[in-house]
Amino acid sequence: MDITRIGFGAWAIGGAGWAAGWGAQDDADSIAAIRHAVARGINWIDTAAVYGLGHSEELVGQALKGMPAAERPYVFTKCGLVWDEKQRTAPPRRVGAARSLRAEAEASLKRLGVERIDLLQMHWPANDGTALDEYWQTLLDLKREGKVRAVGLSNHNVAQLELAEQLGHVDTLQPPFSAIRRDAAADLLPWCAEHETGVIVYSPMQSGLLSGRFTEARAASLPADDWRSRNAEFTGENLRRNLALAQALEEVAQRHGATVAATAIAWTLAWPGVTGAIVGARDPAQVDGWLGAATLELDDDDMARIAAFIETTGVGTGPSSPARQAGDDLPLRSA
């Protein structure tokens, strides 16, 4: 699959009423955002069964309905998180049992309205007693049977990747990665480059903190049903440092005539081993705010400026600048 450097992330459009919701959303705006992103050239969508407890996948399916096959984007989704319909706001269970994963895949196919899932990812390591080799084998079997085109892992560490790779190739990894949360650069990105595993990073703007439009006042006014209102990065000294980083990114953005959002995303794409970045939007205007990241190339001076700010302020965690290493020829390629 040749994928664009950025893809549409469908977490936020899942709406409210579940443990990691972003508050109430307008479904019509969400569908319009997906279609606008595709019309502007984005050729992949990343969602998950748990986003909105099925609602995000349903919206993706509605957005794709009626779209000519030749124009349809790749559809990536995730499994392994199971919820209780009677306690929808409770944290979902991390389940790896084969019977559950197969049922989840079938449910996702139905909600998405597709005959095959382009990429199915295990959302988190299971904690129901199912060993990694068991649930990874289930995904490999689904790929062999033609239910899915490729299989990957999300939120897994290097030791887990090593174990999975012994059974069958890990096509992709989906880790969190931003100028604030940089830990993946220490070991995950080099491992994936070495093993020819594609990497699609999530939250490259750290859930809006590096969008250039976030403020302390906005953080304080987040509704209770928005998970960010309970997250440490959105309060106190962490918030102030994070917003200061966004201001530092603005200086680089102005140099390129780009938005802060596009600059934050381009920073993640500048790292060896990163194939693409997942970026969310809840209306077409938000899509336009970050589309420029697809063509924005930050140079060594840009990266050095950002690294210097990170090191001086101590914002976030993880390496501050890319190691010089090869990692261009990956199974998922940036188109």
C-alpha atoms as a PDB file:
ATOM      1  CA  MET A   1       0.000   0.000   0.000  1.00  0.00           C
ATOM      2  CA  ASP A   2       1.371   3.391  -0.988  1.00  0.00           C
ATOM      3  CA  ILE A   3      -0.046   5.742   1.623  1.00  0.00           C
ATOM      4  CA  THR A   4      -0.015   9.521   1.827  1.00  0.00           C
ATOM      5  CA  ARG A   5       2.256  11.017   4.487  1.00  0.00           C
ATOM      6  CA  ILE A   6      -0.744  11.909   6.593  1.00  0.00           C
ATOM      7  CA  GLY A   7      -3.993  10.029   7.144  1.00  0.00           C
ATOM      8  CA  PHE A   8      -7.362  10.890   8.635  1.00  0.00           C
ATOM      9  CA  GLY A   9      -7.711   9.903  12.293  1.00  0.00           C
ATOM     10  CA  ALA A  10     -11.246   9.051  13.400  1.00  0.00           C
ATOM     11  CA  TRP A  11     -10.844   8.868  17.189  1.00  0.00           C
ATOM     12  CA  ALA A  12     -12.449  12.195  18.090  1.00  0.00           C
ATOM     13  CA  ILE A  13     -15.458  11.776  15.798  1.00  0.00           C
ATOM     14  CA  GLY A  14     -16.546   8.822  17.934  1.00  0.00           C
ATOM     15  CA  GLY A  15     -18.163  11.440  20.153  1.00  0.00           C
ATOM     16  CA  ALA A  16     -19.128  11.311  23.824  1.00  0.00           C
ATOM     17  CA  GLY A  17     -20.577   8.616  26.060  1.00  0.00           C
ATOM     18  CA  TRP A  18     -17.531   6.382  26.423  1.00  0.00           C
ATOM     19  CA  ALA A  19     -14.352   6.282  28.492  1.00  0.00           C
ATOM     20  CA  ALA A  20     -12.032   8.098  26.046  1.00  0.00           C
ATOM     21  CA  GLY A  21     -14.536  10.353  24.311  1.00  0.00           C
ATOM     22  CA  TRP A  22     -13.857  13.898  23.111  1.00  0.00           C
ATOM     23  CA  GLY A  23     -17.268  15.273  24.037  1.00  0.00           C
ATOM     24  CA  ALA A  24     -20.285  15.683  21.790  1.00  0.00           C
ATOM     25  CA  GLN A  25     -19.563  15.935  18.046  1.00  0.00           C
ATOM     26  CA  ASP A  26     -21.610  16.795  14.975  1.00  0.00           C
ATOM     27  CA  ASP A  27     -21.877  13.663  12.835  1.00  0.00           C
ATOM     28  CA  ALA A  28     -22.607  15.623   9.665  1.00  0.00           C
ATOM     29  CA  ASP A  29     -19.440  17.683  10.181  1.00  0.00           C
ATOM     30  CA  SER A  30     -17.462  14.496  10.848  1.00  0.00           C
ATOM     31  CA  ILE A  31     -18.615  12.849   7.623  1.00  0.00           C
ATOM     32  CA  ALA A  32     -17.917  16.059   5.723  1.00  0.00           C
ATOM     33  CA  ALA A  33     -14.410  16.164   7.207  1.00  0.00           C
ATOM     34  CA  ILE A  34     -13.655  12.615   6.015  1.00  0.00           C
ATOM     35  CA  ARG A  35     -14.923  13.301   2.513  1.00  0.00           C
ATOM     36  CA  HIS A  36     -13.053  16.597   2.360  1.00  0.00           C
ATOM     37  CA  ALA A  37      -9.803  14.918   3.407  1.00  0.00           C
ATOM     38  CA  VAL A  38     -10.227  12.272   0.697  1.00  0.00           C
ATOM     39  CA  ALA A  39     -11.094  14.924  -1.886  1.00  0.00           C
ATOM     40  CA  ARG A  40      -7.905  16.788  -0.946  1.00  0.00           C
ATOM     41  CA  GLY A  41      -5.800  13.674  -1.570  1.00  0.00           C
ATOM     42  CA  ILE A  42      -5.644  11.794   1.762  1.00  0.00           C
ATOM     43  CA  ASN A  43      -5.783   8.094   0.895  1.00  0.00           C
ATOM     44  CA  TRP A  44      -6.176   6.355   4.266  1.00  0.00           C
ATOM     45  CA  ILE A  45      -8.384   6.511   7.337  1.00  0.00           C
ATOM     46  CA  ASP A  46      -7.479   5.144  10.759  1.00  0.00           C
ATOM     47  CA  THR A  47     -10.268   4.240  13.149  1.00  0.00           C
ATOM     48  CA  ALA A  48     -11.002   1.608  15.816  1.00  0.00           C
ATOM     49  CA  ALA A  49     -13.983  -0.403  16.951  1.00  0.00           C
ATOM     50  CA  VAL A  50     -13.827   1.177  20.412  1.00  0.00           C
ATOM     51  CA  TYR A  51     -13.953   4.803  19.182  1.00  0.00           C
ATOM     52  CA  GLY A  52     -17.439   5.850  20.198  1.00  0.00           C
ATOM     53  CA  LEU A  53     -18.132   2.144  20.821  1.00  0.00           C
ATOM     54  CA  GLY A  54     -18.654   1.449  17.139  1.00  0.00           C
ATOM     55  CA  HIS A  55     -19.873   4.920  16.190  1.00  0.00           C
ATOM     56  CA  SER A  56     -16.637   6.066  14.548  1.00  0.00           C
ATOM     57  CA  GLU A  57     -16.564   3.017  12.274  1.00  0.00           C
ATOM     58  CA  GLU A  58     -20.207   3.629  11.370  1.00  0.00           C
ATOM     59  CA  LEU A  59     -19.417   7.224  10.387  1.00  0.00           C
ATOM     60  CA  VAL A  60     -16.462   6.088   8.286  1.00  0.00           C
ATOM     61  CA  GLY A  61     -18.794   3.624   6.580  1.00  0.00           C
ATOM     62  CA  GLN A  62     -21.324   6.376   5.882  1.00  0.00           C
ATOM     63  CA  ALA A  63     -18.601   8.636   4.477  1.00  0.00           C
ATOM     64  CA  LEU A  64     -17.419   5.876   2.139  1.00  0.00           C
ATOM     65  CA  LYS A  65     -20.912   4.931   0.999  1.00  0.00           C
ATOM     66  CA  GLY A  66     -21.456   5.862  -2.612  1.00  0.00           C
ATOM     67  CA  MET A  67     -17.808   6.719  -3.138  1.00  0.00           C
ATOM     68  CA  PRO A  68     -16.473   5.154  -6.378  1.00  0.00           C
ATOM     69  CA  ALA A  69     -14.218   2.176  -5.633  1.00  0.00           C
ATOM     70  CA  ALA A  70     -11.294   3.815  -7.414  1.00  0.00           C
ATOM     71  CA  GLU A  71     -11.551   6.838  -5.105  1.00  0.00           C
ATOM     72  CA  ARG A  72     -11.978   4.978  -1.823  1.00  0.00           C
ATOM     73  CA  PRO A  73      -9.190   5.394   0.725  1.00  0.00           C
ATOM     74  CA  TYR A  74      -7.562   2.518   2.551  1.00  0.00           C
ATOM     75  CA  VAL A  75      -9.372   1.753   5.820  1.00  0.00           C
ATOM     76  CA  PHE A  76      -7.394   0.824   8.927  1.00  0.00           C
ATOM     77  CA  THR A  77      -9.062  -0.223  12.172  1.00  0.00           C
ATOM     78  CA  LYS A  78      -8.242  -1.925  15.481  1.00  0.00           C
ATOM     79  CA  CYS A  79      -9.499  -4.720  17.693  1.00  0.00           C
ATOM     80  CA  GLY A  80      -8.945  -6.101  21.180  1.00  0.00           C
ATOM     81  CA  LEU A  81     -10.937  -3.591  23.254  1.00  0.00           C
ATOM     82  CA  VAL A  82     -14.368  -4.855  24.318  1.00  0.00           C
ATOM     83  CA  TRP A  83     -17.020  -2.780  26.051  1.00  0.00           C
ATOM     84  CA  ASP A  84     -20.128  -3.454  28.113  1.00  0.00           C
ATOM     85  CA  GLU A  85     -23.239  -1.902  26.558  1.00  0.00           C
ATOM     86  CA  LYS A  86     -24.757  -1.573  30.032  1.00  0.00           C
ATOM     87  CA  GLN A  87     -21.752   0.396  31.311  1.00  0.00           C
ATOM     88  CA  ARG A  88     -20.672   2.343  28.260  1.00  0.00           C
ATOM     89  CA  THR A  89     -18.524   4.858  30.152  1.00  0.00           C
ATOM     90  CA  ALA A  90     -16.503   2.153  31.932  1.00  0.00           C
ATOM     91  CA  PRO A  91     -13.002   1.445  30.591  1.00  0.00           C
ATOM     92  CA  PRO A  92     -13.121  -1.285  27.914  1.00  0.00           C
ATOM     93  CA  ARG A  93     -11.565  -4.673  28.593  1.00  0.00           C
ATOM     94  CA  ARG A  94      -8.384  -5.708  26.756  1.00  0.00           C
ATOM     95  CA  VAL A  95      -9.345  -9.040  25.228  1.00  0.00           C
ATOM     96  CA  GLY A  96      -7.195 -11.255  23.025  1.00  0.00           C
ATOM     97  CA  ALA A  97      -9.257 -14.435  22.800  1.00  0.00           C
ATOM     98  CA  ALA A  98      -9.519 -15.682  19.200  1.00  0.00           C
ATOM     99  CA  ARG A  99     -13.301 -15.963  19.311  1.00  0.00           C
ATOM    100  CA  SER A 100     -13.599 -12.338  20.429  1.00  0.00           C
ATOM    101  CA  LEU A 101     -11.143 -10.974  17.851  1.00  0.00           C
ATOM    102  CA  ARG A 102     -12.911 -12.808  15.045  1.00  0.00           C
ATOM    103  CA  ALA A 103     -16.300 -11.489  16.160  1.00  0.00           C
ATOM    104  CA  GLU A 104     -14.873  -7.973  16.413  1.00  0.00           C
ATOM    105  CA  ALA A 105     -13.451  -8.192  12.896  1.00  0.00           C
ATOM    106  CA  GLU A 106     -16.809  -9.255  11.499  1.00  0.00           C
ATOM    107  CA  ALA A 107     -18.560  -6.424  13.348  1.00  0.00           C
ATOM    108  CA  SER A 108     -16.036  -3.909  12.006  1.00  0.00           C
ATOM    109  CA  LEU A 109     -16.509  -5.160   8.441  1.00  0.00           C
ATOM    110  CA  LYS A 110     -20.257  -4.642   8.813  1.00  0.00           C
ATOM    111  CA  ARG A 111     -20.010  -1.160  10.339  1.00  0.00           C
ATOM    112  CA  LEU A 112     -17.439  -0.023   7.782  1.00  0.00           C
ATOM    113  CA  GLY A 113     -19.357  -1.516   4.868  1.00  0.00           C
ATOM    114  CA  VAL A 114     -16.247  -3.076   3.329  1.00  0.00           C
ATOM    115  CA  GLU A 115     -15.439  -6.602   2.203  1.00  0.00           C
ATOM    116  CA  ARG A 116     -11.895  -6.529   3.561  1.00  0.00           C
ATOM    117  CA  ILE A 117     -10.099  -4.441   6.162  1.00  0.00           C
ATOM    118  CA  ASP A 118      -6.894  -3.000   4.717  1.00  0.00           C
ATOM    119  CA  LEU A 119      -5.066  -3.006   8.051  1.00  0.00           C
ATOM    120  CA  LEU A 120      -6.244  -4.616  11.304  1.00  0.00           C
ATOM    121  CA  GLN A 121      -4.250  -3.716  14.408  1.00  0.00           C
ATOM    122  CA  MET A 122      -4.308  -5.089  17.944  1.00  0.00           C
ATOM    123  CA  HIS A 123      -5.160  -1.934  19.876  1.00  0.00           C
ATOM    124  CA  TRP A 124      -3.396  -2.766  23.171  1.00  0.00           C
ATOM    125  CA  PRO A 125      -1.716  -5.845  24.651  1.00  0.00           C
ATOM    126  CA  ALA A 126      -4.402  -8.157  26.012  1.00  0.00           C
ATOM    127  CA  ASN A 127      -4.793  -8.575  29.774  1.00  0.00           C
ATOM    128  CA  ASP A 128      -7.471 -11.280  29.773  1.00  0.00           C
ATOM    129  CA  GLY A 129      -4.908 -14.046  30.085  1.00  0.00           C
ATOM    130  CA  THR A 130      -4.434 -14.505  26.330  1.00  0.00           C
ATOM    131  CA  ALA A 131      -0.750 -14.687  25.443  1.00  0.00           C
ATOM    132  CA  LEU A 132       0.600 -12.400  22.744  1.00  0.00           C
ATOM    133  CA  ASP A 133       1.518 -15.289  20.487  1.00  0.00           C
ATOM    134  CA  GLU A 134      -2.100 -16.474  20.624  1.00  0.00           C
ATOM    135  CA  TYR A 135      -3.752 -13.191  19.679  1.00  0.00           C
ATOM    136  CA  TRP A 136      -1.098 -12.367  17.095  1.00  0.00           C
ATOM    137  CA  GLN A 137      -1.657 -15.760  15.485  1.00  0.00           C
ATOM    138  CA  THR A 138      -5.365 -14.927  15.230  1.00  0.00           C
ATOM    139  CA  LEU A 139      -4.571 -11.736  13.308  1.00  0.00           C
ATOM    140  CA  LEU A 140      -2.173 -13.630  11.063  1.00  0.00           C
ATOM    141  CA  ASP A 141      -4.912 -16.183  10.398  1.00  0.00           C
ATOM    142  CA  LEU A 142      -7.389 -13.428   9.485  1.00  0.00           C
ATOM    143  CA  LYS A 143      -4.822 -12.107   7.018  1.00  0.00           C
ATOM    144  CA  ARG A 144      -4.255 -15.564   5.539  1.00  0.00           C
ATOM    145  CA  GLU A 145      -8.016 -16.030   5.166  1.00  0.00           C
ATOM    146  CA  GLY A 146      -8.362 -12.738   3.285  1.00  0.00           C
ATOM    147  CA  LYS A 147     -10.475 -10.954   5.903  1.00  0.00           C
ATOM    148  CA  VAL A 148      -7.726  -8.347   6.224  1.00  0.00           C
ATOM    149  CA  ARG A 149      -4.938  -7.214   3.937  1.00  0.00           C
ATOM    150  CA  ALA A 150      -2.287  -6.439   6.549  1.00  0.00           C
ATOM    151  CA  VAL A 151      -1.910  -6.797  10.316  1.00  0.00           C
ATOM    152  CA  GLY A 152      -0.180  -4.662  12.896  1.00  0.00           C
ATOM    153  CA  LEU A 153       0.254  -3.806  16.545  1.00  0.00           C
ATOM    154  CA  SER A 154      -0.603  -0.603  18.369  1.00  0.00           C
ATOM    155  CA  ASN A 155       0.816   0.435  21.753  1.00  0.00           C
ATOM    156  CA  HIS A 156       3.207  -2.522  21.978  1.00  0.00           C
ATOM    157  CA  ASN A 157       6.855  -2.450  23.097  1.00  0.00           C
ATOM    158  CA  VAL A 158       9.983  -3.860  21.455  1.00  0.00           C
ATOM    159  CA  ALA A 159       9.929  -7.121  23.421  1.00  0.00           C
ATOM    160  CA  GLN A 160       6.367  -7.712  22.249  1.00  0.00           C
ATOM    161  CA  LEU A 161       7.282  -6.849  18.674  1.00  0.00           C
ATOM    162  CA  GLU A 162      10.136  -9.349  18.805  1.00  0.00           C
ATOM    163  CA  LEU A 163       7.829 -12.119  19.993  1.00  0.00           C
ATOM    164  CA  ALA A 164       5.210 -11.361  17.355  1.00  0.00           C
ATOM    165  CA  GLU A 165       7.788 -11.192  14.573  1.00  0.00           C
ATOM    166  CA  GLN A 166       8.886 -14.745  15.352  1.00  0.00           C
ATOM    167  CA  LEU A 167       5.377 -15.960  14.421  1.00  0.00           C
ATOM    168  CA  GLY A 168       4.751 -13.773  11.399  1.00  0.00           C
ATOM    169  CA  HIS A 169       5.789 -10.394  10.089  1.00  0.00           C
ATOM    170  CA  VAL A 170       4.475  -7.320  11.879  1.00  0.00           C
ATOM    171  CA  ASP A 171       3.352  -5.220   8.921  1.00  0.00           C
ATOM    172  CA  THR A 172       2.872  -2.048  10.956  1.00  0.00           C
ATOM    173  CA  LEU A 173       3.263  -0.474  14.356  1.00  0.00           C
ATOM    174  CA  GLN A 174       1.110   2.392  15.636  1.00  0.00           C
ATOM    175  CA  PRO A 175       2.774   4.204  18.557  1.00  0.00           C
ATOM    176  CA  PRO A 176       2.042   7.591  20.126  1.00  0.00           C
ATOM    177  CA  PHE A 177       4.591  10.131  18.881  1.00  0.00           C
ATOM    178  CA  SER A 178       4.836  13.905  19.055  1.00  0.00           C
ATOM    179  CA  ALA A 179       7.348  16.579  20.009  1.00  0.00           C
ATOM    180  CA  ILE A 180       5.974  16.162  23.540  1.00  0.00           C
ATOM    181  CA  ARG A 181       5.789  12.377  23.684  1.00  0.00           C
ATOM    182  CA  ARG A 182       8.973  11.228  21.957  1.00  0.00           C
ATOM    183  CA  ASP A 183       9.704   7.890  23.646  1.00  0.00           C
ATOM    184  CA  ALA A 184       9.044   5.817  20.508  1.00  0.00           C
ATOM    185  CA  ALA A 185      12.148   7.324  18.909  1.00  0.00           C
ATOM    186  CA  ALA A 186      14.429   5.647  21.448  1.00  0.00           C
ATOM    187  CA  ASP A 187      13.768   2.046  20.444  1.00  0.00           C
ATOM    188  CA  LEU A 188      10.547   1.473  18.497  1.00  0.00           C
ATOM    189  CA  LEU A 189      11.418   3.487  15.397  1.00  0.00           C
ATOM    190  CA  PRO A 190      14.868   1.899  14.999  1.00  0.00           C
ATOM    191  CA  TRP A 191      13.394  -1.594  15.501  1.00  0.00           C
ATOM    192  CA  CYS A 192      10.743  -0.991  12.850  1.00  0.00           C
ATOM    193  CA  ALA A 193      13.276   0.421  10.381  1.00  0.00           C
ATOM    194  CA  GLU A 194      15.484  -2.629  10.896  1.00  0.00           C
ATOM    195  CA  HIS A 195      12.608  -5.092  10.450  1.00  0.00           C
ATOM    196  CA  GLU A 196      10.889  -3.275   7.552  1.00  0.00           C
ATOM    197  CA  THR A 197       7.791  -2.620   9.624  1.00  0.00           C
ATOM    198  CA  GLY A 198       5.774   0.432   8.603  1.00  0.00           C
ATOM    199  CA  VAL A 199       5.076   3.020  11.313  1.00  0.00           C
ATOM    200  CA  ILE A 200       1.971   5.194  11.472  1.00  0.00           C
ATOM    201  CA  VAL A 201       2.198   7.449  14.509  1.00  0.00           C
ATOM    202  CA  TYR A 202      -0.812   8.764  16.385  1.00  0.00           C
ATOM    203  CA  SER A 203      -1.419  12.061  18.208  1.00  0.00           C
ATOM    204  CA  PRO A 204       1.367  13.980  16.393  1.00  0.00           C
ATOM    205  CA  MET A 205      -0.179  17.219  17.706  1.00  0.00           C
ATOM    206  CA  GLN A 206      -0.555  15.680  21.176  1.00  0.00           C
ATOM    207  CA  SER A 207      -4.337  15.772  20.977  1.00  0.00           C
ATOM    208  CA  GLY A 208      -4.469  19.439  20.047  1.00  0.00           C
ATOM    209  CA  LEU A 209      -1.807  20.857  22.371  1.00  0.00           C
ATOM    210  CA  LEU A 210       0.520  21.513  19.417  1.00  0.00           C
ATOM    211  CA  SER A 211      -2.165  22.727  17.037  1.00  0.00           C
ATOM    212  CA  GLY A 212      -1.275  26.377  17.620  1.00  0.00           C
ATOM    213  CA  ARG A 213      -4.844  27.081  18.672  1.00  0.00           C
ATOM    214  CA  PHE A 214      -4.843  25.669  22.188  1.00  0.00           C
ATOM    215  CA  THR A 215      -4.728  27.912  25.284  1.00  0.00           C
ATOM    216  CA  GLU A 216      -4.852  27.592  29.058  1.00  0.00           C
ATOM    217  CA  ALA A 217      -8.375  28.991  28.974  1.00  0.00           C
ATOM    218  CA  ARG A 218      -9.479  26.362  26.499  1.00  0.00           C
ATOM    219  CA  ALA A 219      -7.930  23.607  28.615  1.00  0.00           C
ATOM    220  CA  ALA A 220      -9.793  24.878  31.673  1.00  0.00           C
ATOM    221  CA  SER A 221     -13.091  24.882  29.775  1.00  0.00           C
ATOM    222  CA  LEU A 222     -12.901  21.327  28.420  1.00  0.00           C
ATOM    223  CA  PRO A 223     -16.146  19.496  29.260  1.00  0.00           C
ATOM    224  CA  ALA A 224     -16.119  16.619  31.725  1.00  0.00           C
ATOM    225  CA  ASP A 225     -16.916  14.133  28.952  1.00  0.00           C
ATOM    226  CA  ASP A 226     -13.712  15.083  27.085  1.00  0.00           C
ATOM    227  CA  TRP A 227     -10.910  12.741  28.240  1.00  0.00           C
ATOM    228  CA  ARG A 228      -8.386  15.574  27.959  1.00  0.00           C
ATOM    229  CA  SER A 229      -9.978  17.320  30.938  1.00  0.00           C
ATOM    230  CA  ARG A 230      -8.559  14.508  33.115  1.00  0.00           C
ATOM    231  CA  ASN A 231      -5.138  14.232  31.470  1.00  0.00           C
ATOM    232  CA  ALA A 232      -1.986  15.536  33.172  1.00  0.00           C
ATOM    233  CA  GLU A 233      -0.618  17.092  29.965  1.00  0.00           C
ATOM    234  CA  PHE A 234      -3.544  19.517  29.948  1.00  0.00           C
ATOM    235  CA  THR A 235      -3.066  20.950  33.448  1.00  0.00           C
ATOM    236  CA  GLY A 236      -0.548  22.851  35.543  1.00  0.00           C
ATOM    237  CA  GLU A 237       3.110  23.148  34.666  1.00  0.00           C
ATOM    238  CA  ASN A 238       2.877  20.430  32.005  1.00  0.00           C
ATOM    239  CA  LEU A 239       0.290  22.477  30.133  1.00  0.00           C
ATOM    240  CA  ARG A 240       2.374  25.657  30.340  1.00  0.00           C
ATOM    241  CA  ARG A 241       5.493  23.897  29.013  1.00  0.00           C
ATOM    242  CA  ASN A 242       3.510  22.236  26.241  1.00  0.00           C
ATOM    243  CA  LEU A 243       1.996  25.530  25.108  1.00  0.00           C
ATOM    244  CA  ALA A 244       5.445  27.119  25.200  1.00  0.00           C
ATOM    245  CA  LEU A 245       6.623  24.386  22.837  1.00  0.00           C
ATOM    246  CA  ALA A 246       3.731  25.232  20.527  1.00  0.00           C
ATOM    247  CA  GLN A 247       4.954  28.841  20.510  1.00  0.00           C
ATOM    248  CA  ALA A 248       8.462  27.660  19.634  1.00  0.00           C
ATOM    249  CA  LEU A 249       7.011  25.664  16.744  1.00  0.00           C
ATOM    250  CA  GLU A 250       5.276  28.805  15.548  1.00  0.00           C
ATOM    251  CA  GLU A 251       8.656  30.436  14.862  1.00  0.00           C
ATOM    252  CA  VAL A 252       9.582  27.523  12.607  1.00  0.00           C
ATOM    253  CA  ALA A 253       6.132  27.562  11.005  1.00  0.00           C
ATOM    254  CA  GLN A 254       6.441  31.240  10.104  1.00  0.00           C
ATOM    255  CA  ARG A 255       9.762  30.542   8.409  1.00  0.00           C
ATOM    256  CA  HIS A 256       7.972  28.128   6.062  1.00  0.00           C
ATOM    257  CA  GLY A 257       4.680  29.988   5.760  1.00  0.00           C
ATOM    258  CA  ALA A 258       2.989  26.990   7.396  1.00  0.00           C
ATOM    259  CA  THR A 259       0.598  26.435  10.276  1.00  0.00           C
ATOM    260  CA  VAL A 260       1.796  25.327  13.699  1.00  0.00           C
ATOM    261  CA  ALA A 261      -0.298  22.181  13.286  1.00  0.00           C
ATOM    262  CA  ALA A 262       1.418  21.256  10.023  1.00  0.00           C
ATOM    263  CA  THR A 263       4.814  21.958  11.575  1.00  0.00           C
ATOM    264  CA  ALA A 264       4.140  19.728  14.576  1.00  0.00           C
ATOM    265  CA  ILE A 265       3.109  16.897  12.252  1.00  0.00           C
ATOM    266  CA  ALA A 266       6.051  17.461   9.899  1.00  0.00           C
ATOM    267  CA  TRP A 267       8.373  17.142  12.915  1.00  0.00           C
ATOM    268  CA  THR A 268       7.192  13.555  13.443  1.00  0.00           C
ATOM    269  CA  LEU A 269       7.518  12.761   9.729  1.00  0.00           C
ATOM    270  CA  ALA A 270      11.134  13.963   9.746  1.00  0.00           C
ATOM    271  CA  TRP A 271      12.209  10.993  11.877  1.00  0.00           C
ATOM    272  CA  PRO A 272      13.711   7.963  10.098  1.00  0.00           C
ATOM    273  CA  GLY A 273      11.357   5.008  10.215  1.00  0.00           C
ATOM    274  CA  VAL A 274       8.118   7.000  10.350  1.00  0.00           C
ATOM    275  CA  THR A 275       5.912   6.173   7.371  1.00  0.00           C
ATOM    276  CA  GLY A 276       2.903   8.356   8.095  1.00  0.00           C
ATOM    277  CA  ALA A 277       1.060  10.325  10.770  1.00  0.00           C
ATOM    278  CA  ILE A 278      -2.560   9.970  11.851  1.00  0.00           C
ATOM    279  CA  VAL A 279      -4.255  13.346  12.241  1.00  0.00           C
ATOM    280  CA  GLY A 280      -7.775  13.881  13.503  1.00  0.00           C
ATOM    281  CA  ALA A 281     -10.362  16.399  12.358  1.00  0.00           C
ATOM    282  CA  ARG A 282     -13.979  17.054  13.265  1.00  0.00           C
ATOM    283  CA  ASP A 283     -14.848  19.389  10.409  1.00  0.00           C
ATOM    284  CA  PRO A 284     -13.414  20.273   6.968  1.00  0.00           C
ATOM    285  CA  ALA A 285     -11.726  23.450   8.233  1.00  0.00           C
ATOM    286  CA  GLN A 286      -9.587  21.444  10.652  1.00  0.00           C
ATOM    287  CA  VAL A 287      -8.444  19.265   7.748  1.00  0.00           C
ATOM    288  CA  ASP A 288      -7.287  22.340   5.854  1.00  0.00           C
ATOM    289  CA  GLY A 289      -5.294  23.400   8.915  1.00  0.00           C
ATOM    290  CA  TRP A 290      -2.949  20.414   8.765  1.00  0.00           C
ATOM    291  CA  LEU A 291      -2.915  19.275   5.138  1.00  0.00           C
ATOM    292  CA  GLY A 292       0.250  21.260   4.519  1.00  0.00           C
ATOM    293  CA  ALA A 293       2.208  18.760   6.625  1.00  0.00           C
ATOM    294  CA  ALA A 294       2.169  16.374   3.662  1.00  0.00           C
ATOM    295  CA  THR A 295       4.590  18.572   1.723  1.00  0.00           C
ATOM    296  CA  LEU A 296       6.363  20.436   4.528  1.00  0.00           C
ATOM    297  CA  GLU A 297       9.995  19.327   4.859  1.00  0.00           C
ATOM    298  CA  LEU A 298      11.787  20.538   7.985  1.00  0.00           C
ATOM    299  CA  ASP A 299      15.536  20.940   7.504  1.00  0.00           C
ATOM    300  CA  ASP A 300      18.371  20.276   9.939  1.00  0.00           C
ATOM    301  CA  ASP A 301      18.251  23.839  11.228  1.00  0.00           C
ATOM    302  CA  ASP A 302      14.534  23.566  11.967  1.00  0.00           C
ATOM    303  CA  MET A 303      15.017  20.294  13.818  1.00  0.00           C
ATOM    304  CA  ALA A 304      17.981  21.708  15.751  1.00  0.00           C
ATOM    305  CA  ARG A 305      15.952  24.751  16.848  1.00  0.00           C
ATOM    306  CA  ILE A 306      13.146  22.547  18.117  1.00  0.00           C
ATOM    307  CA  ALA A 307      15.581  20.165  19.829  1.00  0.00           C
ATOM    308  CA  ALA A 308      17.311  23.065  21.584  1.00  0.00           C
ATOM    309  CA  PHE A 309      14.002  24.288  22.974  1.00  0.00           C
ATOM    310  CA  ILE A 310      13.064  20.789  24.143  1.00  0.00           C
ATOM    311  CA  GLU A 311      16.412  20.294  25.868  1.00  0.00           C
ATOM    312  CA  THR A 312      16.418  23.745  27.473  1.00  0.00           C
ATOM    313  CA  THR A 313      12.907  23.522  28.886  1.00  0.00           C
ATOM    314  CA  GLY A 314      12.709  19.806  29.601  1.00  0.00           C
ATOM    315  CA  VAL A 315       9.314  19.580  27.932  1.00  0.00           C
ATOM    316  CA  GLY A 316       7.983  16.072  27.376  1.00  0.00           C
ATOM    317  CA  THR A 317       9.967  12.836  27.323  1.00  0.00           C
ATOM    318  CA  GLY A 318      12.224  11.003  24.873  1.00  0.00           C
ATOM    319  CA  PRO A 319      14.985  11.897  22.373  1.00  0.00           C
ATOM    320  CA  SER A 320      14.940  15.476  21.110  1.00  0.00           C
ATOM    321  CA  SER A 321      16.223  14.971  17.543  1.00  0.00           C
ATOM    322  CA  PRO A 322      16.475  12.169  14.969  1.00  0.00           C
ATOM    323  CA  ALA A 323      19.418   9.819  14.831  1.00  0.00           C
ATOM    324  CA  ARG A 324      20.920   9.586  11.379  1.00  0.00           C
ATOM    325  CA  GLN A 325      19.843   6.157  10.191  1.00  0.00           C
ATOM    326  CA  ALA A 326      18.359   4.504   7.114  1.00  0.00           C
ATOM    327  CA  GLY A 327      14.693   3.578   7.124  1.00  0.00           C
ATOM    328  CA  ASP A 328      13.079   4.603   3.868  1.00  0.00           C
ATOM    329  CA  ASP A 329      12.152   1.307   2.229  1.00  0.00           C
ATOM    330  CA  LEU A 330       9.188   0.141   4.300  1.00  0.00           C
ATOM    331  CA  PRO A 331       6.136  -2.035   3.562  1.00  0.00           C
ATOM    332  CA  LEU A 332       3.864   0.983   3.988  1.00  0.00           C
ATOM    333  CA  ARG A 333       5.368   3.661   1.798  1.00  0.00           C
ATOM    334  CA  SER A 334       4.621   7.370   1.813  1.00  0.00           C
ATOM    335  CA  ALA A 335       3.112   8.194  -1.572  1.00  0.00           C
END
